[in-house]
Amino acid sequence: MFLREYIVLGNASEAWRKVYNPPGLKSAQVMACKTLKKPHVKRRLEQIWERHMKKSDITIENILTKYEKAYNYAETEKNSAGMVNAASAQAKLVGLLRDRVETGAVGEFDENSMGSILEFLEKEVGPEAALAIAAAAGVKVEDFVEKSDPKEQDETALLGAEPPTDAVN
């Protein structure tokens, strides 16, 4: 019953609450999550989905055809956003385009500050690249790089690049 409600509602916690009437929302969330992680429950959920898809005549080919029609319509209407949406949907369906999913606990990810990114660029591709990225991002380099001489204000000197000259070769 839980899986049937889950498919109808699209929300595991709500399905758990409707079927089992737990004392609180948090316990419903926990129990629904634990239940959906069990291998036999996953298998049963797949079986139910397959049965529903067969009844509805939903196949990947069917959906791809509909997306293709949507793309063609958007193209004739000169609707570039519609074309992009249809193409993206097709790519996602066949696994060529995936949403980024991060896993892990809070605090496990490195935080990249602008200063560390500029330092990395300076080391890997040179100070000119770091300066170009900083300029494109509208970043003042002196905010991120320690100056050895407080009077030194030239951004190019801060990253060790040669200052631009007006000389013509």
N, C-alpha and C. Protein backbone atom coordinates (compact mmCIF):
# COMPACT_ATOMS: atom_id res chain seq x y z
N MET A 1 0.84 -1.19 0.00
CA MET A 1 0.00 0.00 0.00
C MET A 1 0.88 1.25 0.00
N PHE A 2 1.97 1.20 0.76
CA PHE A 2 2.88 2.34 0.82
C PHE A 2 3.42 2.69 -0.57
N LEU A 3 3.86 1.68 -1.32
CA LEU A 3 4.42 1.94 -2.64
C LEU A 3 3.36 2.47 -3.60
N ARG A 4 2.16 1.95 -3.51
CA ARG A 4 1.09 2.46 -4.37
C ARG A 4 0.80 3.92 -4.07
N GLU A 5 0.74 4.26 -2.80
CA GLU A 5 0.51 5.66 -2.41
C GLU A 5 1.69 6.54 -2.81
N TYR A 6 2.88 6.00 -2.70
CA TYR A 6 4.08 6.74 -3.08
C TYR A 6 4.04 7.09 -4.57
N ILE A 7 3.62 6.14 -5.39
CA ILE A 7 3.53 6.40 -6.82
C ILE A 7 2.45 7.44 -7.12
N VAL A 8 1.34 7.36 -6.44
CA VAL A 8 0.24 8.31 -6.67
C VAL A 8 0.62 9.71 -6.19
N LEU A 9 1.18 9.80 -4.98
CA LEU A 9 1.47 11.10 -4.39
C LEU A 9 2.82 11.68 -4.83
N GLY A 10 3.75 10.81 -5.14
CA GLY A 10 5.08 11.29 -5.51
C GLY A 10 5.90 11.79 -4.34
N ASN A 11 5.44 11.51 -3.13
CA ASN A 11 6.13 11.96 -1.93
C ASN A 11 6.10 10.81 -0.92
N ALA A 12 7.29 10.31 -0.58
CA ALA A 12 7.38 9.13 0.29
C ALA A 12 6.86 9.43 1.70
N SER A 13 7.19 10.59 2.23
CA SER A 13 6.74 10.91 3.60
C SER A 13 5.22 10.98 3.68
N GLU A 14 4.63 11.64 2.69
CA GLU A 14 3.16 11.75 2.67
C GLU A 14 2.51 10.37 2.51
N ALA A 15 3.12 9.54 1.67
CA ALA A 15 2.58 8.19 1.47
C ALA A 15 2.65 7.41 2.78
N TRP A 16 3.77 7.51 3.47
CA TRP A 16 3.94 6.79 4.75
C TRP A 16 2.90 7.28 5.75
N ARG A 17 2.71 8.60 5.83
CA ARG A 17 1.73 9.16 6.78
C ARG A 17 0.32 8.69 6.46
N LYS A 18 -0.01 8.63 5.17
CA LYS A 18 -1.36 8.22 4.78
C LYS A 18 -1.62 6.76 5.11
N VAL A 19 -0.62 5.91 4.92
CA VAL A 19 -0.81 4.47 5.12
C VAL A 19 -0.68 4.08 6.59
N TYR A 20 0.31 4.63 7.28
CA TYR A 20 0.63 4.14 8.64
C TYR A 20 0.26 5.11 9.77
N ASN A 21 -0.08 6.34 9.43
CA ASN A 21 -0.49 7.33 10.44
C ASN A 21 0.50 7.41 11.62
N PRO A 22 1.77 7.74 11.36
CA PRO A 22 2.77 7.82 12.43
C PRO A 22 2.54 9.04 13.31
N PRO A 23 3.19 9.08 14.48
CA PRO A 23 2.97 10.18 15.41
C PRO A 23 3.48 11.53 14.93
N GLY A 24 4.47 11.57 14.06
CA GLY A 24 4.99 12.86 13.63
C GLY A 24 5.56 12.81 12.21
N LEU A 25 5.78 14.00 11.65
CA LEU A 25 6.30 14.10 10.30
C LEU A 25 7.71 13.55 10.21
N LYS A 26 8.53 13.82 11.21
CA LYS A 26 9.92 13.37 11.17
C LYS A 26 10.01 11.85 11.13
N SER A 27 9.21 11.16 11.92
CA SER A 27 9.25 9.70 11.90
C SER A 27 8.77 9.16 10.56
N ALA A 28 7.82 9.83 9.93
CA ALA A 28 7.35 9.40 8.61
C ALA A 28 8.47 9.55 7.59
N GLN A 29 9.20 10.66 7.67
CA GLN A 29 10.31 10.87 6.74
C GLN A 29 11.38 9.80 6.90
N VAL A 30 11.73 9.52 8.12
CA VAL A 30 12.78 8.53 8.40
C VAL A 30 12.35 7.14 7.95
N MET A 31 11.17 6.73 8.31
CA MET A 31 10.70 5.39 7.97
C MET A 31 10.52 5.22 6.46
N ALA A 32 9.99 6.25 5.80
CA ALA A 32 9.82 6.18 4.35
C ALA A 32 11.17 6.05 3.66
N CYS A 33 12.13 6.83 4.09
CA CYS A 33 13.47 6.78 3.51
C CYS A 33 14.12 5.42 3.72
N LYS A 34 14.05 4.90 4.95
CA LYS A 34 14.64 3.59 5.24
C LYS A 34 13.97 2.49 4.42
N THR A 35 12.67 2.59 4.28
CA THR A 35 11.93 1.57 3.53
C THR A 35 12.32 1.58 2.06
N LEU A 36 12.42 2.77 1.47
CA LEU A 36 12.75 2.86 0.04
C LEU A 36 14.17 2.43 -0.27
N LYS A 37 15.03 2.35 0.72
CA LYS A 37 16.41 1.91 0.50
C LYS A 37 16.56 0.39 0.50
N LYS A 38 15.57 -0.32 0.96
CA LYS A 38 15.65 -1.79 1.03
C LYS A 38 15.59 -2.38 -0.38
N PRO A 39 16.49 -3.34 -0.66
CA PRO A 39 16.54 -3.91 -2.01
C PRO A 39 15.23 -4.52 -2.50
N HIS A 40 14.54 -5.25 -1.63
CA HIS A 40 13.29 -5.89 -2.07
C HIS A 40 12.21 -4.85 -2.34
N VAL A 41 12.25 -3.74 -1.63
CA VAL A 41 11.28 -2.66 -1.86
C VAL A 41 11.60 -1.97 -3.19
N LYS A 42 12.87 -1.76 -3.46
CA LYS A 42 13.28 -1.17 -4.74
C LYS A 42 12.82 -2.03 -5.91
N ARG A 43 13.01 -3.35 -5.78
CA ARG A 43 12.58 -4.27 -6.85
C ARG A 43 11.07 -4.19 -7.06
N ARG A 44 10.33 -4.17 -5.97
CA ARG A 44 8.87 -4.12 -6.06
C ARG A 44 8.42 -2.80 -6.68
N LEU A 45 9.07 -1.72 -6.32
CA LEU A 45 8.73 -0.41 -6.88
C LEU A 45 8.97 -0.40 -8.39
N GLU A 46 10.07 -1.00 -8.83
CA GLU A 46 10.35 -1.11 -10.27
C GLU A 46 9.27 -1.92 -10.98
N GLN A 47 8.83 -3.01 -10.35
CA GLN A 47 7.78 -3.84 -10.95
C GLN A 47 6.49 -3.04 -11.12
N ILE A 48 6.13 -2.28 -10.09
CA ILE A 48 4.91 -1.47 -10.16
C ILE A 48 5.03 -0.42 -11.25
N TRP A 49 6.19 0.24 -11.32
CA TRP A 49 6.41 1.26 -12.35
C TRP A 49 6.30 0.65 -13.74
N GLU A 50 6.91 -0.51 -13.94
CA GLU A 50 6.85 -1.17 -15.25
C GLU A 50 5.42 -1.48 -15.64
N ARG A 51 4.65 -1.97 -14.69
CA ARG A 51 3.25 -2.29 -14.96
C ARG A 51 2.47 -1.03 -15.36
N HIS A 52 2.69 0.06 -14.63
CA HIS A 52 2.02 1.32 -14.95
C HIS A 52 2.44 1.85 -16.32
N MET A 53 3.71 1.72 -16.64
CA MET A 53 4.19 2.20 -17.93
C MET A 53 3.60 1.40 -19.08
N LYS A 54 3.47 0.08 -18.89
CA LYS A 54 2.87 -0.76 -19.94
C LYS A 54 1.41 -0.39 -20.16
N LYS A 55 0.69 -0.14 -19.06
CA LYS A 55 -0.72 0.24 -19.17
C LYS A 55 -0.87 1.57 -19.90
N SER A 56 0.06 2.48 -19.65
CA SER A 56 -0.01 3.82 -20.23
C SER A 56 0.69 3.92 -21.57
N ASP A 57 1.30 2.82 -22.02
CA ASP A 57 2.07 2.79 -23.26
C ASP A 57 3.18 3.85 -23.23
N ILE A 58 3.84 3.93 -22.11
CA ILE A 58 4.95 4.86 -21.96
C ILE A 58 6.24 4.09 -22.20
N THR A 59 6.93 4.48 -23.26
CA THR A 59 8.22 3.89 -23.56
C THR A 59 9.21 5.02 -23.83
N ILE A 60 10.47 4.70 -23.76
CA ILE A 60 11.48 5.72 -24.04
C ILE A 60 11.33 6.21 -25.48
N GLU A 61 11.08 5.29 -26.40
CA GLU A 61 10.91 5.67 -27.81
C GLU A 61 9.72 6.62 -27.99
N ASN A 62 8.63 6.32 -27.28
CA ASN A 62 7.44 7.15 -27.34
C ASN A 62 7.74 8.56 -26.85
N ILE A 63 8.41 8.65 -25.72
CA ILE A 63 8.73 9.95 -25.14
C ILE A 63 9.72 10.71 -26.03
N LEU A 64 10.74 10.00 -26.55
CA LEU A 64 11.70 10.65 -27.44
C LEU A 64 11.01 11.21 -28.68
N THR A 65 10.03 10.48 -29.19
CA THR A 65 9.28 10.95 -30.36
C THR A 65 8.52 12.22 -30.02
N LYS A 66 7.91 12.26 -28.85
CA LYS A 66 7.17 13.47 -28.44
C LYS A 66 8.11 14.65 -28.26
N TYR A 67 9.28 14.41 -27.68
CA TYR A 67 10.26 15.49 -27.54
C TYR A 67 10.74 15.98 -28.91
N GLU A 68 10.89 15.05 -29.83
CA GLU A 68 11.31 15.42 -31.19
C GLU A 68 10.25 16.31 -31.84
N LYS A 69 8.98 15.95 -31.66
CA LYS A 69 7.89 16.77 -32.20
C LYS A 69 7.90 18.16 -31.56
N ALA A 70 8.14 18.20 -30.24
CA ALA A 70 8.21 19.50 -29.55
C ALA A 70 9.36 20.33 -30.08
N TYR A 71 10.49 19.69 -30.33
CA TYR A 71 11.65 20.39 -30.87
C TYR A 71 11.33 20.95 -32.25
N ASN A 72 10.75 20.12 -33.10
CA ASN A 72 10.42 20.55 -34.46
C ASN A 72 9.42 21.71 -34.45
N TYR A 73 8.43 21.63 -33.59
CA TYR A 73 7.45 22.72 -33.48
C TYR A 73 8.14 24.01 -33.03
N ALA A 74 9.01 23.90 -31.99
CA ALA A 74 9.72 25.08 -31.50
C ALA A 74 10.62 25.66 -32.59
N GLU A 75 11.19 24.78 -33.41
CA GLU A 75 12.06 25.25 -34.50
C GLU A 75 11.26 26.01 -35.55
N THR A 76 10.08 25.50 -35.91
CA THR A 76 9.26 26.21 -36.90
C THR A 76 8.75 27.54 -36.36
N GLU A 77 8.56 27.61 -35.04
CA GLU A 77 8.09 28.85 -34.42
C GLU A 77 9.26 29.79 -34.07
N LYS A 78 10.47 29.35 -34.40
CA LYS A 78 11.68 30.11 -34.09
C LYS A 78 11.78 30.42 -32.59
N ASN A 79 11.45 29.41 -31.80
CA ASN A 79 11.48 29.51 -30.34
C ASN A 79 12.72 28.78 -29.83
N SER A 80 13.80 29.52 -29.67
CA SER A 80 15.06 28.87 -29.29
C SER A 80 14.99 28.26 -27.89
N ALA A 81 14.27 28.88 -26.98
CA ALA A 81 14.14 28.32 -25.62
C ALA A 81 13.41 26.98 -25.66
N GLY A 82 12.39 26.88 -26.47
CA GLY A 82 11.67 25.62 -26.62
C GLY A 82 12.54 24.54 -27.23
N MET A 83 13.38 24.94 -28.19
CA MET A 83 14.29 23.98 -28.82
C MET A 83 15.29 23.45 -27.80
N VAL A 84 15.83 24.37 -27.00
CA VAL A 84 16.80 23.96 -25.97
C VAL A 84 16.14 23.04 -24.95
N ASN A 85 14.93 23.38 -24.52
CA ASN A 85 14.22 22.54 -23.55
C ASN A 85 13.97 21.14 -24.09
N ALA A 86 13.52 21.05 -25.33
CA ALA A 86 13.23 19.74 -25.91
C ALA A 86 14.52 18.93 -26.08
N ALA A 87 15.58 19.58 -26.55
CA ALA A 87 16.85 18.88 -26.73
C ALA A 87 17.42 18.43 -25.39
N SER A 88 17.31 19.27 -24.38
CA SER A 88 17.80 18.91 -23.03
C SER A 88 17.02 17.74 -22.46
N ALA A 89 15.71 17.77 -22.65
CA ALA A 89 14.88 16.67 -22.15
C ALA A 89 15.25 15.35 -22.83
N GLN A 90 15.49 15.40 -24.14
CA GLN A 90 15.91 14.19 -24.85
C GLN A 90 17.25 13.69 -24.30
N ALA A 91 18.19 14.59 -24.14
CA ALA A 91 19.53 14.20 -23.66
C ALA A 91 19.45 13.61 -22.26
N LYS A 92 18.61 14.18 -21.40
CA LYS A 92 18.46 13.64 -20.04
C LYS A 92 17.85 12.24 -20.08
N LEU A 93 16.87 12.06 -20.93
CA LEU A 93 16.17 10.78 -21.01
C LEU A 93 17.11 9.65 -21.41
N VAL A 94 18.04 9.93 -22.32
CA VAL A 94 18.95 8.88 -22.77
C VAL A 94 20.26 8.86 -21.99
N GLY A 95 20.37 9.72 -20.97
CA GLY A 95 21.53 9.68 -20.08
C GLY A 95 22.72 10.49 -20.53
N LEU A 96 22.55 11.32 -21.55
CA LEU A 96 23.67 12.14 -22.01
C LEU A 96 23.84 13.41 -21.19
N LEU A 97 22.81 13.81 -20.49
CA LEU A 97 22.84 15.03 -19.69
C LEU A 97 22.27 14.70 -18.34
N ARG A 98 23.04 14.98 -17.32
CA ARG A 98 22.58 14.66 -15.96
C ARG A 98 22.69 15.88 -15.08
N ASP A 99 21.72 16.00 -14.17
CA ASP A 99 21.79 17.04 -13.17
C ASP A 99 22.90 16.69 -12.19
N ARG A 100 23.60 17.69 -11.74
CA ARG A 100 24.69 17.46 -10.80
C ARG A 100 24.11 17.09 -9.45
N VAL A 101 24.59 15.99 -8.90
CA VAL A 101 24.14 15.53 -7.59
C VAL A 101 25.36 15.38 -6.70
N GLU A 102 25.35 16.09 -5.60
CA GLU A 102 26.46 15.99 -4.66
C GLU A 102 26.03 15.11 -3.50
N THR A 103 26.92 14.21 -3.12
CA THR A 103 26.63 13.35 -1.99
C THR A 103 27.69 13.56 -0.94
N GLY A 104 27.34 13.30 0.28
CA GLY A 104 28.29 13.47 1.38
C GLY A 104 27.65 14.28 2.49
N ALA A 105 28.35 14.30 3.59
CA ALA A 105 27.85 15.02 4.75
C ALA A 105 28.23 16.50 4.68
N VAL A 106 27.53 17.29 5.45
CA VAL A 106 27.82 18.71 5.52
C VAL A 106 29.26 18.89 5.98
N GLY A 107 29.98 19.78 5.30
CA GLY A 107 31.35 20.07 5.69
C GLY A 107 32.39 19.21 5.00
N GLU A 108 31.95 18.25 4.18
CA GLU A 108 32.90 17.38 3.49
C GLU A 108 33.42 17.99 2.19
N PHE A 109 32.84 19.08 1.77
CA PHE A 109 33.22 19.66 0.50
C PHE A 109 34.21 20.79 0.71
N ASP A 110 35.19 20.86 -0.20
CA ASP A 110 36.14 21.96 -0.16
C ASP A 110 35.45 23.22 -0.67
N GLU A 111 35.76 24.30 -0.03
CA GLU A 111 35.20 25.57 -0.46
C GLU A 111 36.25 26.28 -1.28
N ASN A 112 35.94 26.63 -2.49
CA ASN A 112 36.87 27.33 -3.35
C ASN A 112 36.59 28.83 -3.27
N SER A 113 37.50 29.55 -2.67
CA SER A 113 37.35 30.99 -2.64
C SER A 113 37.94 31.57 -3.91
N MET A 114 37.61 32.80 -4.21
CA MET A 114 38.16 33.43 -5.40
C MET A 114 39.68 33.49 -5.32
N GLY A 115 40.20 33.75 -4.12
CA GLY A 115 41.65 33.79 -3.95
C GLY A 115 42.31 32.47 -4.29
N SER A 116 41.73 31.37 -3.83
CA SER A 116 42.33 30.06 -4.12
C SER A 116 42.20 29.71 -5.60
N ILE A 117 41.12 30.13 -6.23
CA ILE A 117 40.95 29.89 -7.66
C ILE A 117 41.99 30.67 -8.45
N LEU A 118 42.19 31.94 -8.08
CA LEU A 118 43.19 32.74 -8.77
C LEU A 118 44.60 32.20 -8.57
N GLU A 119 44.88 31.73 -7.37
CA GLU A 119 46.20 31.13 -7.11
C GLU A 119 46.39 29.88 -7.95
N PHE A 120 45.36 29.06 -8.04
CA PHE A 120 45.44 27.84 -8.84
C PHE A 120 45.70 28.19 -10.31
N LEU A 121 44.94 29.16 -10.83
CA LEU A 121 45.13 29.57 -12.21
C LEU A 121 46.53 30.11 -12.46
N GLU A 122 47.01 30.88 -11.51
CA GLU A 122 48.36 31.44 -11.66
C GLU A 122 49.40 30.33 -11.77
N LYS A 123 49.27 29.30 -10.94
CA LYS A 123 50.23 28.19 -10.95
C LYS A 123 50.08 27.32 -12.20
N GLU A 124 48.84 27.05 -12.59
CA GLU A 124 48.60 26.09 -13.68
C GLU A 124 48.75 26.68 -15.07
N VAL A 125 48.24 27.88 -15.28
CA VAL A 125 48.26 28.44 -16.63
C VAL A 125 48.94 29.79 -16.74
N GLY A 126 49.38 30.31 -15.62
CA GLY A 126 50.13 31.55 -15.66
C GLY A 126 49.37 32.74 -15.10
N PRO A 127 50.14 33.76 -14.72
CA PRO A 127 49.53 34.94 -14.10
C PRO A 127 48.60 35.71 -15.03
N GLU A 128 48.88 35.69 -16.33
CA GLU A 128 48.02 36.42 -17.26
C GLU A 128 46.60 35.86 -17.24
N ALA A 129 46.49 34.53 -17.18
CA ALA A 129 45.17 33.89 -17.14
C ALA A 129 44.43 34.26 -15.86
N ALA A 130 45.15 34.26 -14.75
CA ALA A 130 44.53 34.63 -13.47
C ALA A 130 44.03 36.06 -13.51
N LEU A 131 44.83 36.94 -14.09
CA LEU A 131 44.42 38.35 -14.21
C LEU A 131 43.20 38.49 -15.12
N ALA A 132 43.18 37.75 -16.21
CA ALA A 132 42.06 37.82 -17.15
C ALA A 132 40.77 37.36 -16.49
N ILE A 133 40.83 36.27 -15.74
CA ILE A 133 39.64 35.75 -15.05
C ILE A 133 39.19 36.75 -13.99
N ALA A 134 40.14 37.28 -13.24
CA ALA A 134 39.81 38.27 -12.20
C ALA A 134 39.13 39.48 -12.83
N ALA A 135 39.67 39.96 -13.94
CA ALA A 135 39.09 41.12 -14.61
C ALA A 135 37.70 40.81 -15.14
N ALA A 136 37.53 39.62 -15.74
CA ALA A 136 36.23 39.22 -16.28
C ALA A 136 35.19 39.09 -15.19
N ALA A 137 35.62 38.66 -14.00
CA ALA A 137 34.70 38.51 -12.87
C ALA A 137 34.51 39.81 -12.10
N GLY A 138 35.24 40.84 -12.51
CA GLY A 138 35.13 42.13 -11.82
C GLY A 138 35.72 42.10 -10.43
N VAL A 139 36.77 41.30 -10.27
CA VAL A 139 37.40 41.12 -8.96
C VAL A 139 38.65 41.97 -8.87
N LYS A 140 38.82 42.63 -7.75
CA LYS A 140 40.05 43.36 -7.50
C LYS A 140 41.05 42.37 -6.93
N VAL A 141 42.12 42.16 -7.64
CA VAL A 141 43.10 41.15 -7.26
C VAL A 141 43.70 41.46 -5.90
N GLU A 142 43.90 42.72 -5.60
CA GLU A 142 44.54 43.05 -4.33
C GLU A 142 43.71 42.63 -3.12
N ASP A 143 42.43 42.39 -3.31
CA ASP A 143 41.59 41.91 -2.20
C ASP A 143 41.93 40.47 -1.81
N PHE A 144 42.59 39.73 -2.74
CA PHE A 144 42.83 38.31 -2.50
C PHE A 144 44.29 37.92 -2.38
N VAL A 145 45.17 38.80 -2.78
CA VAL A 145 46.59 38.48 -2.79
C VAL A 145 47.31 39.37 -1.80
N GLU A 146 48.14 38.76 -0.95
CA GLU A 146 48.92 39.54 0.01
C GLU A 146 50.01 40.29 -0.72
N LYS A 147 50.17 41.55 -0.36
CA LYS A 147 51.20 42.37 -0.99
C LYS A 147 52.43 42.39 -0.10
N SER A 148 53.59 42.25 -0.74
CA SER A 148 54.82 42.32 0.03
C SER A 148 55.18 43.77 0.31
N ASP A 149 54.84 44.67 -0.57
CA ASP A 149 55.10 46.08 -0.40
C ASP A 149 53.77 46.80 -0.39
N PRO A 150 53.39 47.46 0.71
CA PRO A 150 52.07 48.10 0.77
C PRO A 150 51.88 49.17 -0.28
N LYS A 151 52.96 49.73 -0.82
CA LYS A 151 52.84 50.78 -1.83
C LYS A 151 52.53 50.20 -3.20
N GLU A 152 52.75 48.91 -3.34
CA GLU A 152 52.57 48.24 -4.63
C GLU A 152 51.09 48.15 -4.95
N GLN A 153 50.63 48.80 -6.00
CA GLN A 153 49.21 48.82 -6.34
C GLN A 153 48.92 48.18 -7.69
N ASP A 154 49.94 47.96 -8.49
CA ASP A 154 49.72 47.41 -9.82
C ASP A 154 49.26 45.96 -9.72
N GLU A 155 48.06 45.64 -10.26
CA GLU A 155 47.51 44.29 -10.16
C GLU A 155 48.40 43.26 -10.84
N THR A 156 49.02 43.63 -11.94
CA THR A 156 49.85 42.67 -12.65
C THR A 156 51.06 42.31 -11.82
N ALA A 157 51.57 43.25 -11.07
CA ALA A 157 52.74 42.97 -10.24
C ALA A 157 52.37 42.07 -9.06
N LEU A 158 51.11 42.15 -8.63
CA LEU A 158 50.68 41.34 -7.50
C LEU A 158 50.76 39.86 -7.81
N LEU A 159 50.48 39.49 -9.05
CA LEU A 159 50.51 38.08 -9.41
C LEU A 159 51.80 37.69 -10.11
N GLY A 160 52.73 38.61 -10.21
CA GLY A 160 54.02 38.27 -10.79
C GLY A 160 54.08 38.41 -12.29
N ALA A 161 53.06 38.98 -12.91
CA ALA A 161 53.07 39.15 -14.37
C ALA A 161 53.80 40.43 -14.70
N GLU A 162 54.27 40.47 -15.91
CA GLU A 162 54.91 41.69 -16.39
C GLU A 162 53.83 42.73 -16.64
N PRO A 163 54.05 43.97 -16.18
CA PRO A 163 53.06 45.00 -16.45
C PRO A 163 53.01 45.30 -17.95
N PRO A 164 51.84 45.66 -18.45
CA PRO A 164 51.74 45.95 -19.88
C PRO A 164 52.56 47.18 -20.24
N THR A 165 53.10 47.17 -21.42
CA THR A 165 53.88 48.32 -21.88
C THR A 165 53.23 48.88 -23.11
N ASP A 166 53.57 50.12 -23.42
CA ASP A 166 53.03 50.76 -24.61
C ASP A 166 53.94 50.54 -25.80
N ALA A 167 55.04 49.82 -25.59
CA ALA A 167 56.00 49.62 -26.65
C ALA A 167 55.43 48.68 -27.70
N VAL A 168 55.75 48.95 -28.96
CA VAL A 168 55.31 48.13 -30.07
C VAL A 168 56.50 47.38 -30.61
N ASN A 169 56.38 46.08 -30.80
CA ASN A 169 57.51 45.29 -31.33
C ASN A 169 57.63 45.47 -32.80
